[in-house]
PDB file of N, CA and C in Angstrom:
ATOM      1  N   UNK A   1       0.824  -1.191   0.000  1.00  0.00           N
ATOM      2  CA  UNK A   1       0.000   0.000   0.000  1.00  0.00           C
ATOM      3  C   UNK A   1       0.871   1.259   0.000  1.00  0.00           C
ATOM      4  N   UNK A   2       1.924   1.235   0.793  1.00  0.00           N
ATOM      5  CA  UNK A   2       2.813   2.391   0.876  1.00  0.00           C
ATOM      6  C   UNK A   2       3.525   2.623  -0.462  1.00  0.00           C
ATOM      7  N   UNK A   3       3.901   1.532  -1.129  1.00  0.00           N
ATOM      8  CA  UNK A   3       4.575   1.657  -2.420  1.00  0.00           C
ATOM      9  C   UNK A   3       3.630   2.261  -3.448  1.00  0.00           C
ATOM     10  N   UNK A   4       2.367   1.869  -3.405  1.00  0.00           N
ATOM     11  CA  UNK A   4       1.390   2.399  -4.350  1.00  0.00           C
ATOM     12  C   UNK A   4       1.220   3.906  -4.163  1.00  0.00           C
ATOM     13  N   UNK A   5       1.156   4.354  -2.908  1.00  0.00           N
ATOM     14  CA  UNK A   5       1.030   5.786  -2.629  1.00  0.00           C
ATOM     15  C   UNK A   5       2.271   6.540  -3.100  1.00  0.00           C
ATOM     16  N   UNK A   6       3.438   5.944  -2.876  1.00  0.00           N
ATOM     17  CA  UNK A   6       4.684   6.583  -3.293  1.00  0.00           C
ATOM     18  C   UNK A   6       4.743   6.710  -4.813  1.00  0.00           C
ATOM     19  N   UNK A   7       4.375   5.646  -5.511  1.00  0.00           N
ATOM     20  CA  UNK A   7       4.382   5.697  -6.975  1.00  0.00           C
ATOM     21  C   UNK A   7       3.374   6.707  -7.503  1.00  0.00           C
ATOM     22  N   UNK A   8       2.222   6.794  -6.860  1.00  0.00           N
ATOM     23  CA  UNK A   8       1.216   7.779  -7.260  1.00  0.00           C
ATOM     24  C   UNK A   8       1.745   9.192  -7.064  1.00  0.00           C
ATOM     25  N   UNK A   9       2.421   9.417  -5.944  1.00  0.00           N
ATOM     26  CA  UNK A   9       2.995  10.735  -5.668  1.00  0.00           C
ATOM     27  C   UNK A   9       4.036  11.106  -6.719  1.00  0.00           C
ATOM     28  N   UNK A  10       4.903  10.149  -7.075  1.00  0.00           N
ATOM     29  CA  UNK A  10       5.901  10.416  -8.107  1.00  0.00           C
ATOM     30  C   UNK A  10       5.250  10.691  -9.457  1.00  0.00           C
ATOM     31  N   UNK A  11       4.187   9.975  -9.767  1.00  0.00           N
ATOM     32  CA  UNK A  11       3.488  10.191 -11.034  1.00  0.00           C
ATOM     33  C   UNK A  11       2.866  11.579 -11.081  1.00  0.00           C
ATOM     34  N   UNK A  12       2.239  11.992  -9.984  1.00  0.00           N
ATOM     35  CA  UNK A  12       1.644  13.329  -9.939  1.00  0.00           C
ATOM     36  C   UNK A  12       2.709  14.410 -10.026  1.00  0.00           C
ATOM     37  N   UNK A  13       3.819  14.203  -9.342  1.00  0.00           N
ATOM     38  CA  UNK A  13       4.908  15.180  -9.408  1.00  0.00           C
ATOM     39  C   UNK A  13       5.462  15.253 -10.826  1.00  0.00           C
ATOM     40  N   UNK A  14       5.517  14.117 -11.513  1.00  0.00           N
ATOM     41  CA  UNK A  14       5.994  14.104 -12.891  1.00  0.00           C
ATOM     42  C   UNK A  14       5.062  14.829 -13.833  1.00  0.00           C
ATOM     43  N   UNK A  15       3.749  14.717 -13.595  1.00  0.00           N
ATOM     44  CA  UNK A  15       2.780  15.406 -14.438  1.00  0.00           C
ATOM     45  C   UNK A  15       2.792  16.910 -14.202  1.00  0.00           C
ATOM     46  N   UNK A  16       2.997  17.322 -12.962  1.00  0.00           N
ATOM     47  CA  UNK A  16       2.998  18.742 -12.630  1.00  0.00           C
ATOM     48  C   UNK A  16       4.361  19.372 -12.862  1.00  0.00           C
ATOM     49  N   UNK A  17       5.308  18.594 -13.256  1.00  0.00           N
ATOM     50  CA  UNK A  17       6.699  18.972 -13.386  1.00  0.00           C
ATOM     51  C   UNK A  17       6.911  19.753 -14.681  1.00  0.00           C
ATOM     52  N   UNK A  18       7.400  20.965 -14.592  1.00  0.00           N
ATOM     53  CA  UNK A  18       7.680  21.767 -15.778  1.00  0.00           C
ATOM     54  C   UNK A  18       9.142  22.182 -15.697  1.00  0.00           C
ATOM     55  N   UNK A  19       9.922  21.843 -16.690  1.00  0.00           N
ATOM     56  CA  UNK A  19      11.351  22.090 -16.630  1.00  0.00           C
ATOM     57  C   UNK A  19      11.804  23.231 -17.506  1.00  0.00           C
ATOM     58  N   UNK A  20      12.960  23.774 -17.164  1.00  0.00           N
ATOM     59  CA  UNK A  20      13.532  24.864 -17.940  1.00  0.00           C
ATOM     60  C   UNK A  20      15.023  24.916 -17.629  1.00  0.00           C
ATOM     61  N   UNK A  21      15.846  24.993 -18.621  1.00  0.00           N
ATOM     62  CA  UNK A  21      17.284  25.062 -18.407  1.00  0.00           C
ATOM     63  C   UNK A  21      17.670  26.477 -17.993  1.00  0.00           C
ATOM     64  N   UNK A  22      18.579  26.573 -17.082  1.00  0.00           N
ATOM     65  CA  UNK A  22      19.044  27.863 -16.588  1.00  0.00           C
ATOM     66  C   UNK A  22      20.453  28.123 -17.128  1.00  0.00           C
ATOM     67  N   UNK A  23      20.772  29.372 -17.371  1.00  0.00           N
ATOM     68  CA  UNK A  23      22.064  29.704 -17.951  1.00  0.00           C
ATOM     69  C   UNK A  23      23.085  30.133 -16.903  1.00  0.00           C
ATOM     70  N   UNK A  24      22.753  31.099 -16.053  1.00  0.00           N
ATOM     71  CA  UNK A  24      23.722  31.645 -15.108  1.00  0.00           C
ATOM     72  C   UNK A  24      24.004  30.688 -13.955  1.00  0.00           C
ATOM     73  N   UNK A  25      23.021  29.964 -13.519  1.00  0.00           N
ATOM     74  CA  UNK A  25      23.196  29.003 -12.437  1.00  0.00           C
ATOM     75  C   UNK A  25      23.399  27.636 -13.086  1.00  0.00           C
ATOM     76  N   UNK A  26      24.445  26.892 -12.696  1.00  0.00           N
ATOM     77  CA  UNK A  26      24.748  25.618 -13.368  1.00  0.00           C
ATOM     78  C   UNK A  26      23.791  24.495 -12.963  1.00  0.00           C
ATOM     79  N   UNK A  27      22.513  24.667 -13.309  1.00  0.00           N
ATOM     80  CA  UNK A  27      21.515  23.670 -12.933  1.00  0.00           C
ATOM     81  C   UNK A  27      20.296  23.795 -13.829  1.00  0.00           C
ATOM     82  N   UNK A  28      19.552  22.709 -13.919  1.00  0.00           N
ATOM     83  CA  UNK A  28      18.242  22.717 -14.557  1.00  0.00           C
ATOM     84  C   UNK A  28      17.223  22.818 -13.437  1.00  0.00           C
ATOM     85  N   UNK A  29      16.267  23.710 -13.594  1.00  0.00           N
ATOM     86  CA  UNK A  29      15.283  23.957 -12.544  1.00  0.00           C
ATOM     87  C   UNK A  29      13.910  23.569 -13.055  1.00  0.00           C
ATOM     88  N   UNK A  30      13.148  22.904 -12.210  1.00  0.00           N
ATOM     89  CA  UNK A  30      11.771  22.558 -12.532  1.00  0.00           C
ATOM     90  C   UNK A  30      10.950  22.691 -11.258  1.00  0.00           C
ATOM     91  N   UNK A  31       9.638  22.661 -11.406  1.00  0.00           N
ATOM     92  CA  UNK A  31       8.787  22.942 -10.253  1.00  0.00           C
ATOM     93  C   UNK A  31       7.572  22.043 -10.211  1.00  0.00           C
ATOM     94  N   UNK A  32       7.092  21.855  -9.014  1.00  0.00           N
ATOM     95  CA  UNK A  32       5.807  21.234  -8.722  1.00  0.00           C
ATOM     96  C   UNK A  32       5.215  22.109  -7.621  1.00  0.00           C
ATOM     97  N   UNK A  33       3.922  22.065  -7.388  1.00  0.00           N
ATOM     98  CA  UNK A  33       3.344  22.928  -6.345  1.00  0.00           C
ATOM     99  C   UNK A  33       4.035  22.735  -4.991  1.00  0.00           C
ATOM    100  N   UNK A  34       4.618  23.802  -4.485  1.00  0.00           N
ATOM    101  CA  UNK A  34       5.287  23.776  -3.188  1.00  0.00           C
ATOM    102  C   UNK A  34       6.714  23.272  -3.213  1.00  0.00           C
ATOM    103  N   UNK A  35       7.226  22.881  -4.369  1.00  0.00           N
ATOM    104  CA  UNK A  35       8.588  22.355  -4.471  1.00  0.00           C
ATOM    105  C   UNK A  35       9.309  22.945  -5.671  1.00  0.00           C
ATOM    106  N   UNK A  36      10.590  23.137  -5.500  1.00  0.00           N
ATOM    107  CA  UNK A  36      11.456  23.531  -6.599  1.00  0.00           C
ATOM    108  C   UNK A  36      12.534  22.461  -6.688  1.00  0.00           C
ATOM    109  N   UNK A  37      12.712  21.874  -7.852  1.00  0.00           N
ATOM    110  CA  UNK A  37      13.721  20.847  -8.060  1.00  0.00           C
ATOM    111  C   UNK A  37      14.904  21.484  -8.769  1.00  0.00           C
ATOM    112  N   UNK A  38      16.083  21.373  -8.175  1.00  0.00           N
ATOM    113  CA  UNK A  38      17.308  21.923  -8.756  1.00  0.00           C
ATOM    114  C   UNK A  38      18.208  20.738  -9.092  1.00  0.00           C
ATOM    115  N   UNK A  39      18.377  20.476 -10.375  1.00  0.00           N
ATOM    116  CA  UNK A  39      19.218  19.374 -10.836  1.00  0.00           C
ATOM    117  C   UNK A  39      20.565  19.963 -11.243  1.00  0.00           C
ATOM    118  N   UNK A  40      21.549  19.841 -10.366  1.00  0.00           N
ATOM    119  CA  UNK A  40      22.851  20.466 -10.582  1.00  0.00           C
ATOM    120  C   UNK A  40      23.599  19.775 -11.705  1.00  0.00           C
ATOM    121  N   UNK A  41      24.268  20.556 -12.546  1.00  0.00           N
ATOM    122  CA  UNK A  41      25.092  20.012 -13.623  1.00  0.00           C
ATOM    123  C   UNK A  41      26.351  19.392 -13.024  1.00  0.00           C
ATOM    124  N   UNK A  42      26.987  18.514 -13.793  1.00  0.00           N
ATOM    125  CA  UNK A  42      28.208  17.855 -13.321  1.00  0.00           C
ATOM    126  C   UNK A  42      29.347  18.846 -13.103  1.00  0.00           C
ATOM    127  N   UNK A  43      29.369  19.930 -13.859  1.00  0.00           N
ATOM    128  CA  UNK A  43      30.453  20.910 -13.755  1.00  0.00           C
ATOM    129  C   UNK A  43      30.129  22.049 -12.786  1.00  0.00           C
ATOM    130  N   UNK A  44      29.101  21.892 -11.952  1.00  0.00           N
ATOM    131  CA  UNK A  44      28.723  22.950 -11.003  1.00  0.00           C
ATOM    132  C   UNK A  44      29.798  23.089  -9.931  1.00  0.00           C
ATOM    133  N   UNK A  45      30.229  24.322  -9.707  1.00  0.00           N
ATOM    134  CA  UNK A  45      31.211  24.605  -8.663  1.00  0.00           C
ATOM    135  C   UNK A  45      30.924  25.982  -8.094  1.00  0.00           C
ATOM    136  N   UNK A  46      31.546  26.261  -6.978  1.00  0.00           N
ATOM    137  CA  UNK A  46      31.314  27.539  -6.312  1.00  0.00           C
ATOM    138  C   UNK A  46      32.631  28.120  -5.845  1.00  0.00           C
ATOM    139  N   UNK A  47      32.694  29.438  -5.794  1.00  0.00           N
ATOM    140  CA  UNK A  47      33.898  30.098  -5.309  1.00  0.00           C
ATOM    141  C   UNK A  47      33.922  30.166  -3.785  1.00  0.00           C
ATOM    142  N   UNK A  48      32.783  29.986  -3.139  1.00  0.00           N
ATOM    143  CA  UNK A  48      32.745  30.042  -1.678  1.00  0.00           C
ATOM    144  C   UNK A  48      32.716  28.634  -1.098  1.00  0.00           C
ATOM    145  N   UNK A  49      33.142  28.519   0.153  1.00  0.00           N
ATOM    146  CA  UNK A  49      33.191  27.213   0.815  1.00  0.00           C
ATOM    147  C   UNK A  49      31.793  26.678   1.106  1.00  0.00           C
ATOM    148  N   UNK A  50      30.879  27.556   1.476  1.00  0.00           N
ATOM    149  CA  UNK A  50      29.503  27.164   1.782  1.00  0.00           C
ATOM    150  C   UNK A  50      28.546  27.950   0.892  1.00  0.00           C
ATOM    151  N   UNK A  51      28.345  27.511  -0.348  1.00  0.00           N
ATOM    152  CA  UNK A  51      27.468  28.261  -1.251  1.00  0.00           C
ATOM    153  C   UNK A  51      26.020  28.232  -0.778  1.00  0.00           C
ATOM    154  N   UNK A  52      25.327  29.336  -0.985  1.00  0.00           N
ATOM    155  CA  UNK A  52      23.938  29.465  -0.565  1.00  0.00           C
ATOM    156  C   UNK A  52      23.076  29.787  -1.776  1.00  0.00           C
ATOM    157  N   UNK A  53      21.994  29.052  -1.919  1.00  0.00           N
ATOM    158  CA  UNK A  53      21.020  29.294  -2.971  1.00  0.00           C
ATOM    159  C   UNK A  53      19.902  30.129  -2.369  1.00  0.00           C
ATOM    160  N   UNK A  54      19.668  31.311  -2.941  1.00  0.00           N
ATOM    161  CA  UNK A  54      18.611  32.196  -2.456  1.00  0.00           C
ATOM    162  C   UNK A  54      17.519  32.284  -3.503  1.00  0.00           C
ATOM    163  N   UNK A  55      16.277  32.207  -3.048  1.00  0.00           N
ATOM    164  CA  UNK A  55      15.121  32.259  -3.939  1.00  0.00           C
ATOM    165  C   UNK A  55      14.249  33.424  -3.510  1.00  0.00           C
ATOM    166  N   UNK A  56      14.012  34.343  -4.443  1.00  0.00           N
ATOM    167  CA  UNK A  56      13.200  35.534  -4.170  1.00  0.00           C
ATOM    168  C   UNK A  56      12.009  35.565  -5.112  1.00  0.00           C
ATOM    169  N   UNK A  57      10.928  36.213  -4.657  1.00  0.00           N
ATOM    170  CA  UNK A  57       9.751  36.355  -5.520  1.00  0.00           C
ATOM    171  C   UNK A  57       9.904  37.607  -6.375  1.00  0.00           C
ATOM    172  N   UNK A  58       8.877  37.928  -7.152  1.00  0.00           N
ATOM    173  CA  UNK A  58       8.944  39.047  -8.098  1.00  0.00           C
ATOM    174  C   UNK A  58       9.141  40.388  -7.409  1.00  0.00           C
ATOM    175  N   UNK A  59       8.662  40.537  -6.175  1.00  0.00           N
ATOM    176  CA  UNK A  59       8.822  41.805  -5.463  1.00  0.00           C
ATOM    177  C   UNK A  59      10.140  41.881  -4.695  1.00  0.00           C
ATOM    178  N   UNK A  60      10.968  40.832  -4.769  1.00  0.00           N
ATOM    179  CA  UNK A  60      12.276  40.852  -4.123  1.00  0.00           C
ATOM    180  C   UNK A  60      12.298  40.280  -2.727  1.00  0.00           C
ATOM    181  N   UNK A  61      11.170  39.785  -2.236  1.00  0.00           N
ATOM    182  CA  UNK A  61      11.127  39.186  -0.898  1.00  0.00           C
ATOM    183  C   UNK A  61      11.814  37.828  -0.919  1.00  0.00           C
ATOM    184  N   UNK A  62      12.613  37.553   0.104  1.00  0.00           N
ATOM    185  CA  UNK A  62      13.315  36.282   0.207  1.00  0.00           C
ATOM    186  C   UNK A  62      12.333  35.190   0.613  1.00  0.00           C
ATOM    187  N   UNK A  63      12.154  34.193  -0.261  1.00  0.00           N
ATOM    188  CA  UNK A  63      11.270  33.070   0.041  1.00  0.00           C
ATOM    189  C   UNK A  63      12.012  31.964   0.767  1.00  0.00           C
ATOM    190  N   UNK A  64      13.230  31.683   0.311  1.00  0.00           N
ATOM    191  CA  UNK A  64      13.990  30.581   0.884  1.00  0.00           C
ATOM    192  C   UNK A  64      15.469  30.816   0.677  1.00  0.00           C
ATOM    193  N   UNK A  65      16.253  30.453   1.677  1.00  0.00           N
ATOM    194  CA  UNK A  65      17.707  30.511   1.600  1.00  0.00           C
ATOM    195  C   UNK A  65      18.217  29.172   2.115  1.00  0.00           C
ATOM    196  N   UNK A  66      18.831  28.382   1.231  1.00  0.00           N
ATOM    197  CA  UNK A  66      19.272  27.037   1.587  1.00  0.00           C
ATOM    198  C   UNK A  66      20.717  26.829   1.148  1.00  0.00           C
ATOM    199  N   UNK A  67      21.438  25.937   1.826  1.00  0.00           N
ATOM    200  CA  UNK A  67      22.777  25.582   1.355  1.00  0.00           C
ATOM    201  C   UNK A  67      22.681  24.871   0.003  1.00  0.00           C
ATOM    202  N   UNK A  68      23.497  25.269  -0.946  1.00  0.00           N
ATOM    203  CA  UNK A  68      23.495  24.644  -2.274  1.00  0.00           C
ATOM    204  C   UNK A  68      24.335  23.375  -2.223  1.00  0.00           C
ATOM    205  N   UNK A  69      23.765  22.264  -2.674  1.00  0.00           N
ATOM    206  CA  UNK A  69      24.481  20.985  -2.639  1.00  0.00           C
ATOM    207  C   UNK A  69      25.454  20.840  -3.808  1.00  0.00           C
ATOM    208  N   UNK A  70      25.170  21.478  -4.940  1.00  0.00           N
ATOM    209  CA  UNK A  70      26.016  21.494  -6.138  1.00  0.00           C
ATOM    210  C   UNK A  70      26.268  20.127  -6.757  1.00  0.00           C
ATOM    211  N   UNK A  71      25.484  19.127  -6.391  1.00  0.00           N
ATOM    212  CA  UNK A  71      25.579  17.830  -7.063  1.00  0.00           C
ATOM    213  C   UNK A  71      24.247  17.111  -6.933  1.00  0.00           C
ATOM    214  N   UNK A  72      23.894  16.382  -7.955  1.00  0.00           N
ATOM    215  CA  UNK A  72      22.657  15.615  -7.919  1.00  0.00           C
ATOM    216  C   UNK A  72      21.420  16.493  -7.979  1.00  0.00           C
ATOM    217  N   UNK A  73      20.323  15.956  -7.479  1.00  0.00           N
ATOM    218  CA  UNK A  73      19.030  16.659  -7.466  1.00  0.00           C
ATOM    219  C   UNK A  73      18.777  17.182  -6.054  1.00  0.00           C
ATOM    220  N   UNK A  74      18.470  18.449  -5.955  1.00  0.00           N
ATOM    221  CA  UNK A  74      18.165  19.081  -4.673  1.00  0.00           C
ATOM    222  C   UNK A  74      16.717  19.548  -4.703  1.00  0.00           C
ATOM    223  N   UNK A  75      15.972  19.230  -3.652  1.00  0.00           N
ATOM    224  CA  UNK A  75      14.592  19.682  -3.537  1.00  0.00           C
ATOM    225  C   UNK A  75      14.539  20.832  -2.546  1.00  0.00           C
ATOM    226  N   UNK A  76      13.849  21.883  -2.931  1.00  0.00           N
ATOM    227  CA  UNK A  76      13.683  23.045  -2.057  1.00  0.00           C
ATOM    228  C   UNK A  76      12.191  23.249  -1.845  1.00  0.00           C
ATOM    229  N   UNK A  77      11.756  23.206  -0.597  1.00  0.00           N
ATOM    230  CA  UNK A  77      10.348  23.443  -0.276  1.00  0.00           C
ATOM    231  C   UNK A  77      10.077  24.939  -0.294  1.00  0.00           C
ATOM    232  N   UNK A  78       9.004  25.299  -0.994  1.00  0.00           N
ATOM    233  CA  UNK A  78       8.572  26.690  -1.080  1.00  0.00           C
ATOM    234  C   UNK A  78       7.170  26.797  -0.502  1.00  0.00           C
ATOM    235  N   UNK A  79       6.740  28.006  -0.159  1.00  0.00           N
ATOM    236  CA  UNK A  79       5.344  28.167   0.250  1.00  0.00           C
ATOM    237  C   UNK A  79       4.421  27.696  -0.875  1.00  0.00           C
ATOM    238  N   UNK A  80       3.316  27.047  -0.515  1.00  0.00           N
ATOM    239  CA  UNK A  80       2.405  26.499  -1.523  1.00  0.00           C
ATOM    240  C   UNK A  80       1.871  27.579  -2.464  1.00  0.00           C
ATOM    241  N   UNK A  81       1.778  28.795  -1.997  1.00  0.00           N
ATOM    242  CA  UNK A  81       1.238  29.874  -2.825  1.00  0.00           C
ATOM    243  C   UNK A  81       2.309  30.579  -3.654  1.00  0.00           C
ATOM    244  N   UNK A  82       3.539  30.090  -3.637  1.00  0.00           N
ATOM    245  CA  UNK A  82       4.601  30.699  -4.443  1.00  0.00           C
ATOM    246  C   UNK A  82       4.315  30.456  -5.919  1.00  0.00           C
ATOM    247  N   UNK A  83       4.222  31.522  -6.674  1.00  0.00           N
ATOM    248  CA  UNK A  83       3.951  31.417  -8.105  1.00  0.00           C
ATOM    249  C   UNK A  83       4.439  32.677  -8.792  1.00  0.00           C
ATOM    250  N   UNK A  84       4.484  32.646 -10.101  1.00  0.00           N
ATOM    251  CA  UNK A  84       4.956  33.798 -10.856  1.00  0.00           C
ATOM    252  C   UNK A  84       6.452  33.727 -11.083  1.00  0.00           C
ATOM    253  N   UNK A  85       7.093  34.876 -11.184  1.00  0.00           N
ATOM    254  CA  UNK A  85       8.527  34.941 -11.457  1.00  0.00           C
ATOM    255  C   UNK A  85       9.327  34.814 -10.170  1.00  0.00           C
ATOM    256  N   UNK A  86      10.274  33.886 -10.166  1.00  0.00           N
ATOM    257  CA  UNK A  86      11.188  33.707  -9.047  1.00  0.00           C
ATOM    258  C   UNK A  86      12.594  34.012  -9.528  1.00  0.00           C
ATOM    259  N   UNK A  87      13.424  34.530  -8.632  1.00  0.00           N
ATOM    260  CA  UNK A  87      14.823  34.783  -8.945  1.00  0.00           C
ATOM    261  C   UNK A  87      15.675  33.880  -8.082  1.00  0.00           C
ATOM    262  N   UNK A  88      16.532  33.089  -8.711  1.00  0.00           N
ATOM    263  CA  UNK A  88      17.451  32.204  -8.012  1.00  0.00           C
ATOM    264  C   UNK A  88      18.830  32.829  -8.060  1.00  0.00           C
ATOM    265  N   UNK A  89      19.515  32.903  -6.917  1.00  0.00           N
ATOM    266  CA  UNK A  89      20.841  33.519  -6.843  1.00  0.00           C
ATOM    267  C   UNK A  89      21.830  32.554  -6.211  1.00  0.00           C
ATOM    268  N   UNK A  90      23.035  32.502  -6.790  1.00  0.00           N
ATOM    269  CA  UNK A  90      24.122  31.678  -6.275  1.00  0.00           C
ATOM    270  C   UNK A  90      25.426  32.389  -6.588  1.00  0.00           C
ATOM    271  N   UNK A  91      26.195  32.739  -5.576  1.00  0.00           N
ATOM    272  CA  UNK A  91      27.502  33.397  -5.740  1.00  0.00           C
ATOM    273  C   UNK A  91      27.453  34.637  -6.622  1.00  0.00           C
ATOM    274  N   UNK A  92      26.478  35.487  -6.431  1.00  0.00           N
ATOM    275  CA  UNK A  92      26.383  36.716  -7.197  1.00  0.00           C
ATOM    276  C   UNK A  92      25.755  36.549  -8.568  1.00  0.00           C
ATOM    277  N   UNK A  93      25.611  35.332  -9.035  1.00  0.00           N
ATOM    278  CA  UNK A  93      24.933  35.055 -10.300  1.00  0.00           C
ATOM    279  C   UNK A  93      23.458  34.837 -10.008  1.00  0.00           C
ATOM    280  N   UNK A  94      22.604  35.380 -10.845  1.00  0.00           N
ATOM    281  CA  UNK A  94      21.173  35.170 -10.626  1.00  0.00           C
ATOM    282  C   UNK A  94      20.495  34.847 -11.945  1.00  0.00           C
ATOM    283  N   UNK A  95      19.392  34.167 -11.829  1.00  0.00           N
ATOM    284  CA  UNK A  95      18.616  33.772 -12.987  1.00  0.00           C
ATOM    285  C   UNK A  95      17.154  33.762 -12.584  1.00  0.00           C
ATOM    286  N   UNK A  96      16.282  34.045 -13.531  1.00  0.00           N
ATOM    287  CA  UNK A  96      14.859  34.053 -13.208  1.00  0.00           C
ATOM    288  C   UNK A  96      14.201  32.780 -13.724  1.00  0.00           C
ATOM    289  N   UNK A  97      13.150  32.396 -13.062  1.00  0.00           N
ATOM    290  CA  UNK A  97      12.397  31.196 -13.399  1.00  0.00           C
ATOM    291  C   UNK A  97      10.921  31.511 -13.248  1.00  0.00           C
ATOM    292  N   UNK A  98      10.140  31.074 -14.184  1.00  0.00           N
ATOM    293  CA  UNK A  98       8.691  31.300 -14.142  1.00  0.00           C
ATOM    294  C   UNK A  98       8.037  30.110 -13.462  1.00  0.00           C
ATOM    295  N   UNK A  99       7.539  30.326 -12.249  1.00  0.00           N
ATOM    296  CA  UNK A  99       6.849  29.278 -11.490  1.00  0.00           C
ATOM    297  C   UNK A  99       5.425  29.182 -12.018  1.00  0.00           C
ATOM    298  N   UNK A 100       4.993  27.999 -12.441  1.00  0.00           N
ATOM    299  CA  UNK A 100       3.635  27.875 -12.980  1.00  0.00           C
ATOM    300  C   UNK A 100       2.588  28.120 -11.903  1.00  0.00           C
ATOM    301  N   UNK A 101       1.454  28.631 -12.332  1.00  0.00           N
ATOM    302  CA  UNK A 101       0.354  28.851 -11.401  1.00  0.00           C
ATOM    303  C   UNK A 101      -0.267  27.511 -11.068  1.00  0.00           C
ATOM    304  N   UNK A 102      -0.452  27.261  -9.776  1.00  0.00           N
ATOM    305  CA  UNK A 102      -1.022  25.985  -9.354  1.00  0.00           C
ATOM    306  C   UNK A 102      -2.526  26.110  -9.200  1.00  0.00           C
ATOM    307  N   UNK A 103      -3.194  24.987  -9.274  1.00  0.00           N
ATOM    308  CA  UNK A 103      -4.641  24.947  -9.131  1.00  0.00           C
ATOM    309  C   UNK A 103      -4.953  24.716  -7.665  1.00  0.00           C
ATOM    310  N   UNK A 104      -5.742  25.578  -7.072  1.00  0.00           N
ATOM    311  CA  UNK A 104      -6.079  25.451  -5.656  1.00  0.00           C
ATOM    312  C   UNK A 104      -7.223  24.496  -5.414  1.00  0.00           C
ATOM    313  N   UNK A 105      -7.568  24.321  -4.151  1.00  0.00           N
ATOM    314  CA  UNK A 105      -8.639  23.398  -3.784  1.00  0.00           C
ATOM    315  C   UNK A 105     -10.010  24.025  -3.982  1.00  0.00           C
ATOM    316  N   UNK A 106     -10.068  25.342  -4.154  1.00  0.00           N
ATOM    317  CA  UNK A 106     -11.344  26.013  -4.352  1.00  0.00           C
ATOM    318  C   UNK A 106     -11.983  26.487  -3.064  1.00  0.00           C
ATOM    319  N   UNK A 107     -11.385  26.151  -1.931  1.00  0.00           N
ATOM    320  CA  UNK A 107     -11.949  26.577  -0.649  1.00  0.00           C
ATOM    321  C   UNK A 107     -11.564  28.023  -0.359  1.00  0.00           C
ATOM    322  N   UNK A 108     -12.472  28.763   0.206  1.00  0.00           N
ATOM    323  CA  UNK A 108     -12.192  30.137   0.622  1.00  0.00           C
ATOM    324  C   UNK A 108     -11.391  30.110   1.911  1.00  0.00           C
ATOM    325  N   UNK A 109     -10.492  31.045   2.064  1.00  0.00           N
ATOM    326  CA  UNK A 109      -9.706  31.122   3.304  1.00  0.00           C
ATOM    327  C   UNK A 109     -10.086  32.341   4.074  1.00  0.00           C
TER     328      UNK A 109
END
């Protein structure tokens, strides 16, 4: 039963997954509601000992600041309502990413 739920979750994440190659940051970035997937390139490196990946929204507010792993796939949890243009910054280099609009549950808050 647990495996079935896990496979369903991966399938849904794959369907909601929209990818886009980034130029300034050595990674491919894709998104699902509430998550940002950063797939670091093999040649990713940093000039600092502890690189930090910063994610800002269109108005410049800091959404998330996490240590950059610089290898493999890194998942970054974002607020569920994060959408629109996001700016990713690493070592002074920044790149923008268009976060797709997610479909809500329809409930009023």
